């Protein structure tokens, strides 16, 4: 299920894992303190 996730630190692989999991979750997920490396939007574009 969707959740509001704020990580204690900026984590690239964490952000990626949550992105992938949230794509099929029920409802809305909000990731705060998400990593911003270019590889993240690239993965997001693939998921879109």
ModelCIF file with pLDDT and N, C-alpha, C, O atoms, coordinates in Angstrom:
data_MODEL
#
_entry.id   MODEL 
#
_entity.id                         1 
_entity.type                       polymer 
_entity.pdbx_number_of_molecules   1 
#
_entity_poly.entity_id                      1 
_entity_poly.type                           'polypeptide(L)' 
_entity_poly.nstd_linkage                   no 
_entity_poly.nstd_monomer                   no 
_entity_poly.pdbx_seq_one_letter_code       
;(UNK)(UNK)(UNK)(UNK)(UNK)(UNK)(UNK)(UNK)(UNK)(UNK)(UNK)(UNK)(UNK)(UNK)(UNK)(UNK)
(UNK)(UNK)(UNK)(UNK)(UNK)(UNK)(UNK)(UNK)(UNK)(UNK)(UNK)(UNK)(UNK)(UNK)(UNK)(UNK)
(UNK)(UNK)(UNK)(UNK)(UNK)(UNK)(UNK)(UNK)(UNK)(UNK)(UNK)(UNK)(UNK)(UNK)(UNK)(UNK)
;
_entity_poly.pdbx_seq_one_letter_code_can   XXXXXXXXXXXXXXXXXXXXXXXXXXXXXXXXXXXXXXXXXXXXXXXX 
_entity_poly.pdbx_strand_id                 A 
#
loop_
_entity_poly_seq.entity_id 
_entity_poly_seq.num 
_entity_poly_seq.mon_id 
_entity_poly_seq.hetero 
1 1  UNK n 
1 2  UNK n 
1 3  UNK n 
1 4  UNK n 
1 5  UNK n 
1 6  UNK n 
1 7  UNK n 
1 8  UNK n 
1 9  UNK n 
1 10 UNK n 
1 11 UNK n 
1 12 UNK n 
1 13 UNK n 
1 14 UNK n 
1 15 UNK n 
1 16 UNK n 
1 17 UNK n 
1 18 UNK n 
1 19 UNK n 
1 20 UNK n 
1 21 UNK n 
1 22 UNK n 
1 23 UNK n 
1 24 UNK n 
1 25 UNK n 
1 26 UNK n 
1 27 UNK n 
1 28 UNK n 
1 29 UNK n 
1 30 UNK n 
1 31 UNK n 
1 32 UNK n 
1 33 UNK n 
1 34 UNK n 
1 35 UNK n 
1 36 UNK n 
1 37 UNK n 
1 38 UNK n 
1 39 UNK n 
1 40 UNK n 
1 41 UNK n 
1 42 UNK n 
1 43 UNK n 
1 44 UNK n 
1 45 UNK n 
1 46 UNK n 
1 47 UNK n 
1 48 UNK n 
#
_struct_asym.id          A 
_struct_asym.entity_id   1 
#
loop_
_ma_qa_metric.id 
_ma_qa_metric.mode 
_ma_qa_metric.name 
_ma_qa_metric.software_group_id 
_ma_qa_metric.type 
1 global pLDDT . pLDDT 
2 local  pLDDT . pLDDT 
#
_ma_qa_metric_global.metric_id      1 
_ma_qa_metric_global.metric_value   96.83 
_ma_qa_metric_global.model_id       1 
_ma_qa_metric_global.ordinal_id     1 
#
loop_
_ma_qa_metric_local.label_asym_id 
_ma_qa_metric_local.label_comp_id 
_ma_qa_metric_local.label_seq_id 
_ma_qa_metric_local.metric_id 
_ma_qa_metric_local.metric_value 
_ma_qa_metric_local.model_id 
_ma_qa_metric_local.ordinal_id 
A UNK 1  2 98.00 1 1  
A UNK 2  2 98.00 1 2  
A UNK 3  2 98.00 1 3  
A UNK 4  2 98.00 1 4  
A UNK 5  2 98.00 1 5  
A UNK 6  2 97.00 1 6  
A UNK 7  2 94.00 1 7  
A UNK 8  2 91.00 1 8  
A UNK 9  2 90.00 1 9  
A UNK 10 2 90.00 1 10 
A UNK 11 2 92.00 1 11 
A UNK 12 2 93.00 1 12 
A UNK 13 2 95.00 1 13 
A UNK 14 2 96.00 1 14 
A UNK 15 2 98.00 1 15 
A UNK 16 2 98.00 1 16 
A UNK 17 2 98.00 1 17 
A UNK 18 2 98.00 1 18 
A UNK 19 2 98.00 1 19 
A UNK 20 2 98.00 1 20 
A UNK 21 2 98.00 1 21 
A UNK 22 2 98.00 1 22 
A UNK 23 2 98.00 1 23 
A UNK 24 2 98.00 1 24 
A UNK 25 2 98.00 1 25 
A UNK 26 2 98.00 1 26 
A UNK 27 2 98.00 1 27 
A UNK 28 2 98.00 1 28 
A UNK 29 2 98.00 1 29 
A UNK 30 2 98.00 1 30 
A UNK 31 2 98.00 1 31 
A UNK 32 2 98.00 1 32 
A UNK 33 2 97.00 1 33 
A UNK 34 2 97.00 1 34 
A UNK 35 2 95.00 1 35 
A UNK 36 2 96.00 1 36 
A UNK 37 2 95.00 1 37 
A UNK 38 2 97.00 1 38 
A UNK 39 2 97.00 1 39 
A UNK 40 2 98.00 1 40 
A UNK 41 2 98.00 1 41 
A UNK 42 2 98.00 1 42 
A UNK 43 2 98.00 1 43 
A UNK 44 2 98.00 1 44 
A UNK 45 2 98.00 1 45 
A UNK 46 2 98.00 1 46 
A UNK 47 2 98.00 1 47 
A UNK 48 2 98.00 1 48 
#
loop_
_atom_site.group_PDB 
_atom_site.id 
_atom_site.type_symbol 
_atom_site.label_atom_id 
_atom_site.label_alt_id 
_atom_site.label_comp_id 
_atom_site.label_asym_id 
_atom_site.label_entity_id 
_atom_site.label_seq_id 
_atom_site.pdbx_PDB_ins_code 
_atom_site.Cartn_x 
_atom_site.Cartn_y 
_atom_site.Cartn_z 
_atom_site.occupancy 
_atom_site.B_iso_or_equiv 
_atom_site.pdbx_formal_charge 
_atom_site.auth_seq_id 
_atom_site.auth_comp_id 
_atom_site.auth_asym_id 
_atom_site.auth_atom_id 
_atom_site.pdbx_PDB_model_num 
ATOM 1   N N  . UNK A 1 1  ? 0.848  -1.211 0.000   1.00 98.00 ? 1  UNK A N  1 
ATOM 2   C CA . UNK A 1 1  ? 0.000  0.000  0.000   1.00 98.00 ? 1  UNK A CA 1 
ATOM 3   C C  . UNK A 1 1  ? 0.875  1.249  0.000   1.00 98.00 ? 1  UNK A C  1 
ATOM 4   O O  . UNK A 1 1  ? 1.995  1.253  0.511   1.00 98.00 ? 1  UNK A O  1 
ATOM 5   N N  . UNK A 1 2  ? 0.330  2.298  -0.585  1.00 98.00 ? 2  UNK A N  1 
ATOM 6   C CA . UNK A 1 2  ? 1.060  3.563  -0.651  1.00 98.00 ? 2  UNK A CA 1 
ATOM 7   C C  . UNK A 1 2  ? 1.391  4.075  0.740   1.00 98.00 ? 2  UNK A C  1 
ATOM 8   O O  . UNK A 1 2  ? 0.682  3.783  1.703   1.00 98.00 ? 2  UNK A O  1 
ATOM 9   N N  . UNK A 1 3  ? 2.476  4.844  0.842   1.00 98.00 ? 3  UNK A N  1 
ATOM 10  C CA . UNK A 1 3  ? 2.884  5.366  2.158   1.00 98.00 ? 3  UNK A CA 1 
ATOM 11  C C  . UNK A 1 3  ? 3.650  6.663  1.945   1.00 98.00 ? 3  UNK A C  1 
ATOM 12  O O  . UNK A 1 3  ? 4.060  6.994  0.833   1.00 98.00 ? 3  UNK A O  1 
ATOM 13  N N  . UNK A 1 4  ? 3.829  7.376  3.029   1.00 98.00 ? 4  UNK A N  1 
ATOM 14  C CA . UNK A 1 4  ? 4.645  8.588  3.037   1.00 98.00 ? 4  UNK A CA 1 
ATOM 15  C C  . UNK A 1 4  ? 6.009  8.168  3.588   1.00 98.00 ? 4  UNK A C  1 
ATOM 16  O O  . UNK A 1 4  ? 6.108  7.825  4.767   1.00 98.00 ? 4  UNK A O  1 
ATOM 17  N N  . UNK A 1 5  ? 7.045  8.187  2.781   1.00 98.00 ? 5  UNK A N  1 
ATOM 18  C CA . UNK A 1 5  ? 8.353  7.684  3.233   1.00 98.00 ? 5  UNK A CA 1 
ATOM 19  C C  . UNK A 1 5  ? 9.365  8.826  3.252   1.00 98.00 ? 5  UNK A C  1 
ATOM 20  O O  . UNK A 1 5  ? 9.628  9.459  2.229   1.00 98.00 ? 5  UNK A O  1 
ATOM 21  N N  . UNK A 1 6  ? 9.927  9.075  4.432   1.00 97.00 ? 6  UNK A N  1 
ATOM 22  C CA . UNK A 1 6  ? 11.023 10.043 4.539   1.00 97.00 ? 6  UNK A CA 1 
ATOM 23  C C  . UNK A 1 6  ? 12.237 9.279  5.052   1.00 97.00 ? 6  UNK A C  1 
ATOM 24  O O  . UNK A 1 6  ? 12.237 8.818  6.194   1.00 97.00 ? 6  UNK A O  1 
ATOM 25  N N  . UNK A 1 7  ? 13.260 9.141  4.237   1.00 94.00 ? 7  UNK A N  1 
ATOM 26  C CA . UNK A 1 7  ? 14.442 8.385  4.679   1.00 94.00 ? 7  UNK A CA 1 
ATOM 27  C C  . UNK A 1 7  ? 15.321 9.268  5.569   1.00 94.00 ? 7  UNK A C  1 
ATOM 28  O O  . UNK A 1 7  ? 15.307 10.496 5.476   1.00 94.00 ? 7  UNK A O  1 
ATOM 29  N N  . UNK A 1 8  ? 16.091 8.592  6.440   1.00 91.00 ? 8  UNK A N  1 
ATOM 30  C CA . UNK A 1 8  ? 16.979 9.315  7.369   1.00 91.00 ? 8  UNK A CA 1 
ATOM 31  C C  . UNK A 1 8  ? 18.135 9.976  6.623   1.00 91.00 ? 8  UNK A C  1 
ATOM 32  O O  . UNK A 1 8  ? 18.710 10.961 7.088   1.00 91.00 ? 8  UNK A O  1 
ATOM 33  N N  . UNK A 1 9  ? 18.456 9.430  5.486   1.00 90.00 ? 9  UNK A N  1 
ATOM 34  C CA . UNK A 1 9  ? 19.561 9.966  4.675   1.00 90.00 ? 9  UNK A CA 1 
ATOM 35  C C  . UNK A 1 9  ? 19.150 9.841  3.212   1.00 90.00 ? 9  UNK A C  1 
ATOM 36  O O  . UNK A 1 9  ? 18.227 9.098  2.878   1.00 90.00 ? 9  UNK A O  1 
ATOM 37  N N  . UNK A 1 10 ? 19.837 10.566 2.352   1.00 90.00 ? 10 UNK A N  1 
ATOM 38  C CA . UNK A 1 10 ? 19.544 10.445 0.921   1.00 90.00 ? 10 UNK A CA 1 
ATOM 39  C C  . UNK A 1 10 ? 20.135 9.121  0.441   1.00 90.00 ? 10 UNK A C  1 
ATOM 40  O O  . UNK A 1 10 ? 21.341 8.903  0.553   1.00 90.00 ? 10 UNK A O  1 
ATOM 41  N N  . UNK A 1 11 ? 19.303 8.251  -0.085  1.00 92.00 ? 11 UNK A N  1 
ATOM 42  C CA . UNK A 1 11 ? 19.806 6.954  -0.565  1.00 92.00 ? 11 UNK A CA 1 
ATOM 43  C C  . UNK A 1 11 ? 19.321 6.724  -2.000  1.00 92.00 ? 11 UNK A C  1 
ATOM 44  O O  . UNK A 1 11 ? 18.124 6.731  -2.288  1.00 92.00 ? 11 UNK A O  1 
ATOM 45  N N  . UNK A 1 12 ? 20.304 6.521  -2.889  1.00 93.00 ? 12 UNK A N  1 
ATOM 46  C CA . UNK A 1 12 ? 19.962 6.348  -4.308  1.00 93.00 ? 12 UNK A CA 1 
ATOM 47  C C  . UNK A 1 12 ? 19.232 5.025  -4.502  1.00 93.00 ? 12 UNK A C  1 
ATOM 48  O O  . UNK A 1 12 ? 18.139 4.990  -5.067  1.00 93.00 ? 12 UNK A O  1 
ATOM 49  N N  . UNK A 1 13 ? 19.841 3.931  -4.030  1.00 95.00 ? 13 UNK A N  1 
ATOM 50  C CA . UNK A 1 13 ? 19.207 2.622  -4.254  1.00 95.00 ? 13 UNK A CA 1 
ATOM 51  C C  . UNK A 1 13 ? 17.887 2.527  -3.480  1.00 95.00 ? 13 UNK A C  1 
ATOM 52  O O  . UNK A 1 13 ? 16.949 1.865  -3.922  1.00 95.00 ? 13 UNK A O  1 
ATOM 53  N N  . UNK A 1 14 ? 17.823 3.196  -2.319  1.00 96.00 ? 14 UNK A N  1 
ATOM 54  C CA . UNK A 1 14 ? 16.569 3.220  -1.557  1.00 96.00 ? 14 UNK A CA 1 
ATOM 55  C C  . UNK A 1 14 ? 15.465 3.890  -2.374  1.00 96.00 ? 14 UNK A C  1 
ATOM 56  O O  . UNK A 1 14 ? 14.367 3.349  -2.507  1.00 96.00 ? 14 UNK A O  1 
ATOM 57  N N  . UNK A 1 15 ? 15.764 5.072  -2.919  1.00 98.00 ? 15 UNK A N  1 
ATOM 58  C CA . UNK A 1 15 ? 14.785 5.798  -3.735  1.00 98.00 ? 15 UNK A CA 1 
ATOM 59  C C  . UNK A 1 15 ? 14.326 4.919  -4.903  1.00 98.00 ? 15 UNK A C  1 
ATOM 60  O O  . UNK A 1 15 ? 13.140 4.876  -5.230  1.00 98.00 ? 15 UNK A O  1 
ATOM 61  N N  . UNK A 1 16 ? 15.277 4.221  -5.525  1.00 98.00 ? 16 UNK A N  1 
ATOM 62  C CA . UNK A 1 16 ? 14.942 3.367  -6.685  1.00 98.00 ? 16 UNK A CA 1 
ATOM 63  C C  . UNK A 1 16 ? 14.039 2.198  -6.272  1.00 98.00 ? 16 UNK A C  1 
ATOM 64  O O  . UNK A 1 16 ? 13.072 1.867  -6.958  1.00 98.00 ? 16 UNK A O  1 
ATOM 65  N N  . UNK A 1 17 ? 14.380 1.585  -5.137  1.00 98.00 ? 17 UNK A N  1 
ATOM 66  C CA . UNK A 1 17 ? 13.578 0.460  -4.654  1.00 98.00 ? 17 UNK A CA 1 
ATOM 67  C C  . UNK A 1 17 ? 12.136 0.885  -4.372  1.00 98.00 ? 17 UNK A C  1 
ATOM 68  O O  . UNK A 1 17 ? 11.184 0.196  -4.737  1.00 98.00 ? 17 UNK A O  1 
ATOM 69  N N  . UNK A 1 18 ? 12.001 2.048  -3.707  1.00 98.00 ? 18 UNK A N  1 
ATOM 70  C CA . UNK A 1 18 ? 10.654 2.536  -3.361  1.00 98.00 ? 18 UNK A CA 1 
ATOM 71  C C  . UNK A 1 18 ? 9.871  2.936  -4.622  1.00 98.00 ? 18 UNK A C  1 
ATOM 72  O O  . UNK A 1 18 ? 8.665  2.706  -4.720  1.00 98.00 ? 18 UNK A O  1 
ATOM 73  N N  . UNK A 1 19 ? 10.584 3.536  -5.577  1.00 98.00 ? 19 UNK A N  1 
ATOM 74  C CA . UNK A 1 19 ? 9.925  3.911  -6.844  1.00 98.00 ? 19 UNK A CA 1 
ATOM 75  C C  . UNK A 1 19 ? 9.292  2.693  -7.494  1.00 98.00 ? 19 UNK A C  1 
ATOM 76  O O  . UNK A 1 19 ? 8.131  2.711  -7.903  1.00 98.00 ? 19 UNK A O  1 
ATOM 77  N N  . UNK A 1 20 ? 10.094 1.623  -7.576  1.00 98.00 ? 20 UNK A N  1 
ATOM 78  C CA . UNK A 1 20 ? 9.618  0.405  -8.254  1.00 98.00 ? 20 UNK A CA 1 
ATOM 79  C C  . UNK A 1 20 ? 8.479  -0.251 -7.477  1.00 98.00 ? 20 UNK A C  1 
ATOM 80  O O  . UNK A 1 20 ? 7.485  -0.693 -8.054  1.00 98.00 ? 20 UNK A O  1 
ATOM 81  N N  . UNK A 1 21 ? 8.646  -0.303 -6.150  1.00 98.00 ? 21 UNK A N  1 
ATOM 82  C CA . UNK A 1 21 ? 7.612  -0.933 -5.321  1.00 98.00 ? 21 UNK A CA 1 
ATOM 83  C C  . UNK A 1 21 ? 6.312  -0.131 -5.388  1.00 98.00 ? 21 UNK A C  1 
ATOM 84  O O  . UNK A 1 21 ? 5.225  -0.703 -5.475  1.00 98.00 ? 21 UNK A O  1 
ATOM 85  N N  . UNK A 1 22 ? 6.435  1.206  -5.348  1.00 98.00 ? 22 UNK A N  1 
ATOM 86  C CA . UNK A 1 22 ? 5.248  2.065  -5.301  1.00 98.00 ? 22 UNK A CA 1 
ATOM 87  C C  . UNK A 1 22 ? 4.463  2.046  -6.605  1.00 98.00 ? 22 UNK A C  1 
ATOM 88  O O  . UNK A 1 22 ? 3.258  2.298  -6.623  1.00 98.00 ? 22 UNK A O  1 
ATOM 89  N N  . UNK A 1 23 ? 5.175  1.737  -7.716  1.00 98.00 ? 23 UNK A N  1 
ATOM 90  C CA . UNK A 1 23 ? 4.500  1.748  -9.031  1.00 98.00 ? 23 UNK A CA 1 
ATOM 91  C C  . UNK A 1 23 ? 3.322  0.775  -9.053  1.00 98.00 ? 23 UNK A C  1 
ATOM 92  O O  . UNK A 1 23 ? 2.319  1.020  -9.723  1.00 98.00 ? 23 UNK A O  1 
ATOM 93  N N  . UNK A 1 24 ? 3.452  -0.348 -8.304  1.00 98.00 ? 24 UNK A N  1 
ATOM 94  C CA . UNK A 1 24 ? 2.371  -1.350 -8.283  1.00 98.00 ? 24 UNK A CA 1 
ATOM 95  C C  . UNK A 1 24 ? 1.601  -1.357 -6.962  1.00 98.00 ? 24 UNK A C  1 
ATOM 96  O O  . UNK A 1 24 ? 0.737  -2.209 -6.757  1.00 98.00 ? 24 UNK A O  1 
ATOM 97  N N  . UNK A 1 25 ? 1.906  -0.412 -6.060  1.00 98.00 ? 25 UNK A N  1 
ATOM 98  C CA . UNK A 1 25 ? 1.230  -0.411 -4.745  1.00 98.00 ? 25 UNK A CA 1 
ATOM 99  C C  . UNK A 1 25 ? -0.177 0.171  -4.874  1.00 98.00 ? 25 UNK A C  1 
ATOM 100 O O  . UNK A 1 25 ? -0.540 0.787  -5.876  1.00 98.00 ? 25 UNK A O  1 
ATOM 101 N N  . UNK A 1 26 ? -0.932 -0.051 -3.835  1.00 98.00 ? 26 UNK A N  1 
ATOM 102 C CA . UNK A 1 26 ? -2.305 0.476  -3.800  1.00 98.00 ? 26 UNK A CA 1 
ATOM 103 C C  . UNK A 1 26 ? -2.269 1.915  -3.262  1.00 98.00 ? 26 UNK A C  1 
ATOM 104 O O  . UNK A 1 26 ? -1.765 2.145  -2.163  1.00 98.00 ? 26 UNK A O  1 
ATOM 105 N N  . UNK A 1 27 ? -2.794 2.878  -4.017  1.00 98.00 ? 27 UNK A N  1 
ATOM 106 C CA . UNK A 1 27 ? -2.840 4.262  -3.520  1.00 98.00 ? 27 UNK A CA 1 
ATOM 107 C C  . UNK A 1 27 ? -1.570 5.033  -3.820  1.00 98.00 ? 27 UNK A C  1 
ATOM 108 O O  . UNK A 1 27 ? -0.777 4.645  -4.678  1.00 98.00 ? 27 UNK A O  1 
ATOM 109 N N  . UNK A 1 28 ? -1.387 6.138  -3.098  1.00 98.00 ? 28 UNK A N  1 
ATOM 110 C CA . UNK A 1 28 ? -0.319 7.086  -3.389  1.00 98.00 ? 28 UNK A CA 1 
ATOM 111 C C  . UNK A 1 28 ? 0.871  6.883  -2.453  1.00 98.00 ? 28 UNK A C  1 
ATOM 112 O O  . UNK A 1 28 ? 0.711  6.667  -1.252  1.00 98.00 ? 28 UNK A O  1 
ATOM 113 N N  . UNK A 1 29 ? 2.055  6.958  -3.029  1.00 98.00 ? 29 UNK A N  1 
ATOM 114 C CA . UNK A 1 29 ? 3.281  6.962  -2.228  1.00 98.00 ? 29 UNK A CA 1 
ATOM 115 C C  . UNK A 1 29 ? 3.979  8.297  -2.457  1.00 98.00 ? 29 UNK A C  1 
ATOM 116 O O  . UNK A 1 29 ? 4.102  8.761  -3.590  1.00 98.00 ? 29 UNK A O  1 
ATOM 117 N N  . UNK A 1 30 ? 4.435  8.908  -1.364  1.00 98.00 ? 30 UNK A N  1 
ATOM 118 C CA . UNK A 1 30 ? 5.222  10.144 -1.466  1.00 98.00 ? 30 UNK A CA 1 
ATOM 119 C C  . UNK A 1 30 ? 6.611  9.854  -0.886  1.00 98.00 ? 30 UNK A C  1 
ATOM 120 O O  . UNK A 1 30 ? 6.742  9.406  0.253   1.00 98.00 ? 30 UNK A O  1 
ATOM 121 N N  . UNK A 1 31 ? 7.642  10.118 -1.694  1.00 98.00 ? 31 UNK A N  1 
ATOM 122 C CA . UNK A 1 31 ? 9.022  9.927  -1.230  1.00 98.00 ? 31 UNK A CA 1 
ATOM 123 C C  . UNK A 1 31 ? 9.617  11.299 -0.916  1.00 98.00 ? 31 UNK A C  1 
ATOM 124 O O  . UNK A 1 31 ? 9.794  12.126 -1.810  1.00 98.00 ? 31 UNK A O  1 
ATOM 125 N N  . UNK A 1 32 ? 9.919  11.528 0.344   1.00 98.00 ? 32 UNK A N  1 
ATOM 126 C CA . UNK A 1 32 ? 10.593 12.768 0.759   1.00 98.00 ? 32 UNK A CA 1 
ATOM 127 C C  . UNK A 1 32 ? 12.088 12.480 0.911   1.00 98.00 ? 32 UNK A C  1 
ATOM 128 O O  . UNK A 1 32 ? 12.489 11.348 1.181   1.00 98.00 ? 32 UNK A O  1 
ATOM 129 N N  . UNK A 1 33 ? 12.912 13.531 0.731   1.00 97.00 ? 33 UNK A N  1 
ATOM 130 C CA . UNK A 1 33 ? 14.364 13.361 0.836   1.00 97.00 ? 33 UNK A CA 1 
ATOM 131 C C  . UNK A 1 33 ? 14.877 12.373 -0.220  1.00 97.00 ? 33 UNK A C  1 
ATOM 132 O O  . UNK A 1 33 ? 15.868 11.673 -0.011  1.00 97.00 ? 33 UNK A O  1 
ATOM 133 N N  . UNK A 1 34 ? 14.174 12.337 -1.357  1.00 97.00 ? 34 UNK A N  1 
ATOM 134 C CA . UNK A 1 34 ? 14.534 11.397 -2.432  1.00 97.00 ? 34 UNK A CA 1 
ATOM 135 C C  . UNK A 1 34 ? 15.863 11.810 -3.065  1.00 97.00 ? 34 UNK A C  1 
ATOM 136 O O  . UNK A 1 34 ? 16.208 12.991 -3.104  1.00 97.00 ? 34 UNK A O  1 
ATOM 137 N N  . UNK A 1 35 ? 16.600 10.814 -3.560  1.00 95.00 ? 35 UNK A N  1 
ATOM 138 C CA . UNK A 1 35 ? 17.846 11.107 -4.291  1.00 95.00 ? 35 UNK A CA 1 
ATOM 139 C C  . UNK A 1 35 ? 17.487 11.757 -5.633  1.00 95.00 ? 35 UNK A C  1 
ATOM 140 O O  . UNK A 1 35 ? 16.417 11.509 -6.190  1.00 95.00 ? 35 UNK A O  1 
ATOM 141 N N  . UNK A 1 36 ? 18.413 12.600 -6.146  1.00 96.00 ? 36 UNK A N  1 
ATOM 142 C CA . UNK A 1 36 ? 18.117 13.352 -7.374  1.00 96.00 ? 36 UNK A CA 1 
ATOM 143 C C  . UNK A 1 36 ? 19.075 13.037 -8.513  1.00 96.00 ? 36 UNK A C  1 
ATOM 144 O O  . UNK A 1 36 ? 19.028 13.670 -9.569  1.00 96.00 ? 36 UNK A O  1 
ATOM 145 N N  . UNK A 1 37 ? 19.944 12.055 -8.294  1.00 95.00 ? 37 UNK A N  1 
ATOM 146 C CA . UNK A 1 37 ? 20.906 11.700 -9.337  1.00 95.00 ? 37 UNK A CA 1 
ATOM 147 C C  . UNK A 1 37 ? 20.205 11.436 -10.675 1.00 95.00 ? 37 UNK A C  1 
ATOM 148 O O  . UNK A 1 37 ? 19.061 10.981 -10.675 1.00 95.00 ? 37 UNK A O  1 
ATOM 149 N N  . UNK A 1 38 ? 20.858 11.709 -11.820 1.00 97.00 ? 38 UNK A N  1 
ATOM 150 C CA . UNK A 1 38 ? 20.203 11.545 -13.123 1.00 97.00 ? 38 UNK A CA 1 
ATOM 151 C C  . UNK A 1 38 ? 19.681 10.131 -13.382 1.00 97.00 ? 38 UNK A C  1 
ATOM 152 O O  . UNK A 1 38 ? 18.772 9.935  -14.189 1.00 97.00 ? 38 UNK A O  1 
ATOM 153 N N  . UNK A 1 39 ? 20.263 9.150  -12.692 1.00 97.00 ? 39 UNK A N  1 
ATOM 154 C CA . UNK A 1 39 ? 19.820 7.771  -12.897 1.00 97.00 ? 39 UNK A CA 1 
ATOM 155 C C  . UNK A 1 39 ? 18.395 7.552  -12.355 1.00 97.00 ? 39 UNK A C  1 
ATOM 156 O O  . UNK A 1 39 ? 17.695 6.638  -12.790 1.00 97.00 ? 39 UNK A O  1 
ATOM 157 N N  . UNK A 1 40 ? 17.974 8.404  -11.395 1.00 98.00 ? 40 UNK A N  1 
ATOM 158 C CA . UNK A 1 40 ? 16.625 8.275  -10.805 1.00 98.00 ? 40 UNK A CA 1 
ATOM 159 C C  . UNK A 1 40 ? 15.556 8.686  -11.831 1.00 98.00 ? 40 UNK A C  1 
ATOM 160 O O  . UNK A 1 40 ? 14.658 7.892  -12.113 1.00 98.00 ? 40 UNK A O  1 
ATOM 161 N N  . UNK A 1 41 ? 15.625 9.913  -12.402 1.00 98.00 ? 41 UNK A N  1 
ATOM 162 C CA . UNK A 1 41 ? 14.650 10.258 -13.438 1.00 98.00 ? 41 UNK A CA 1 
ATOM 163 C C  . UNK A 1 41 ? 14.686 9.302  -14.623 1.00 98.00 ? 41 UNK A C  1 
ATOM 164 O O  . UNK A 1 41 ? 13.664 9.072  -15.269 1.00 98.00 ? 41 UNK A O  1 
ATOM 165 N N  . UNK A 1 42 ? 15.872 8.739  -14.913 1.00 98.00 ? 42 UNK A N  1 
ATOM 166 C CA . UNK A 1 42 ? 15.944 7.789  -16.031 1.00 98.00 ? 42 UNK A CA 1 
ATOM 167 C C  . UNK A 1 42 ? 15.114 6.538  -15.735 1.00 98.00 ? 42 UNK A C  1 
ATOM 168 O O  . UNK A 1 42 ? 14.384 6.045  -16.594 1.00 98.00 ? 42 UNK A O  1 
ATOM 169 N N  . UNK A 1 43 ? 15.240 6.028  -14.487 1.00 98.00 ? 43 UNK A N  1 
ATOM 170 C CA . UNK A 1 43 ? 14.427 4.871  -14.083 1.00 98.00 ? 43 UNK A CA 1 
ATOM 171 C C  . UNK A 1 43 ? 12.942 5.254  -14.090 1.00 98.00 ? 43 UNK A C  1 
ATOM 172 O O  . UNK A 1 43 ? 12.098 4.489  -14.555 1.00 98.00 ? 43 UNK A O  1 
ATOM 173 N N  . UNK A 1 44 ? 12.635 6.455  -13.564 1.00 98.00 ? 44 UNK A N  1 
ATOM 174 C CA . UNK A 1 44 ? 11.233 6.898  -13.517 1.00 98.00 ? 44 UNK A CA 1 
ATOM 175 C C  . UNK A 1 44 ? 10.646 6.966  -14.928 1.00 98.00 ? 44 UNK A C  1 
ATOM 176 O O  . UNK A 1 44 ? 9.501  6.574  -15.151 1.00 98.00 ? 44 UNK A O  1 
ATOM 177 N N  . UNK A 1 45 ? 11.446 7.471  -15.883 1.00 98.00 ? 45 UNK A N  1 
ATOM 178 C CA . UNK A 1 45 ? 10.953 7.571  -17.276 1.00 98.00 ? 45 UNK A CA 1 
ATOM 179 C C  . UNK A 1 45 ? 10.667 6.185  -17.848 1.00 98.00 ? 45 UNK A C  1 
ATOM 180 O O  . UNK A 1 45 ? 9.700  5.998  -18.586 1.00 98.00 ? 45 UNK A O  1 
ATOM 181 N N  . UNK A 1 46 ? 11.517 5.211  -17.502 1.00 98.00 ? 46 UNK A N  1 
ATOM 182 C CA . UNK A 1 46 ? 11.263 3.845  -17.950 1.00 98.00 ? 46 UNK A CA 1 
ATOM 183 C C  . UNK A 1 46 ? 9.954  3.315  -17.340 1.00 98.00 ? 46 UNK A C  1 
ATOM 184 O O  . UNK A 1 46 ? 9.143  2.701  -18.033 1.00 98.00 ? 46 UNK A O  1 
ATOM 185 N N  . UNK A 1 47 ? 9.762  3.560  -16.038 1.00 98.00 ? 47 UNK A N  1 
ATOM 186 C CA . UNK A 1 47 ? 8.540  3.078  -15.369 1.00 98.00 ? 47 UNK A CA 1 
ATOM 187 C C  . UNK A 1 47 ? 7.303  3.756  -15.973 1.00 98.00 ? 47 UNK A C  1 
ATOM 188 O O  . UNK A 1 47 ? 6.265  3.119  -16.150 1.00 98.00 ? 47 UNK A O  1 
ATOM 189 N N  . UNK A 1 48 ? 7.423  5.057  -16.289 1.00 98.00 ? 48 UNK A N  1 
ATOM 190 C CA . UNK A 1 48 ? 6.299  5.782  -16.912 1.00 98.00 ? 48 UNK A CA 1 
ATOM 191 C C  . UNK A 1 48 ? 5.976  5.164  -18.278 1.00 98.00 ? 48 UNK A C  1 
ATOM 192 O O  . UNK A 1 48 ? 5.064  5.625  -18.964 1.00 98.00 ? 48 UNK A O  1 
#
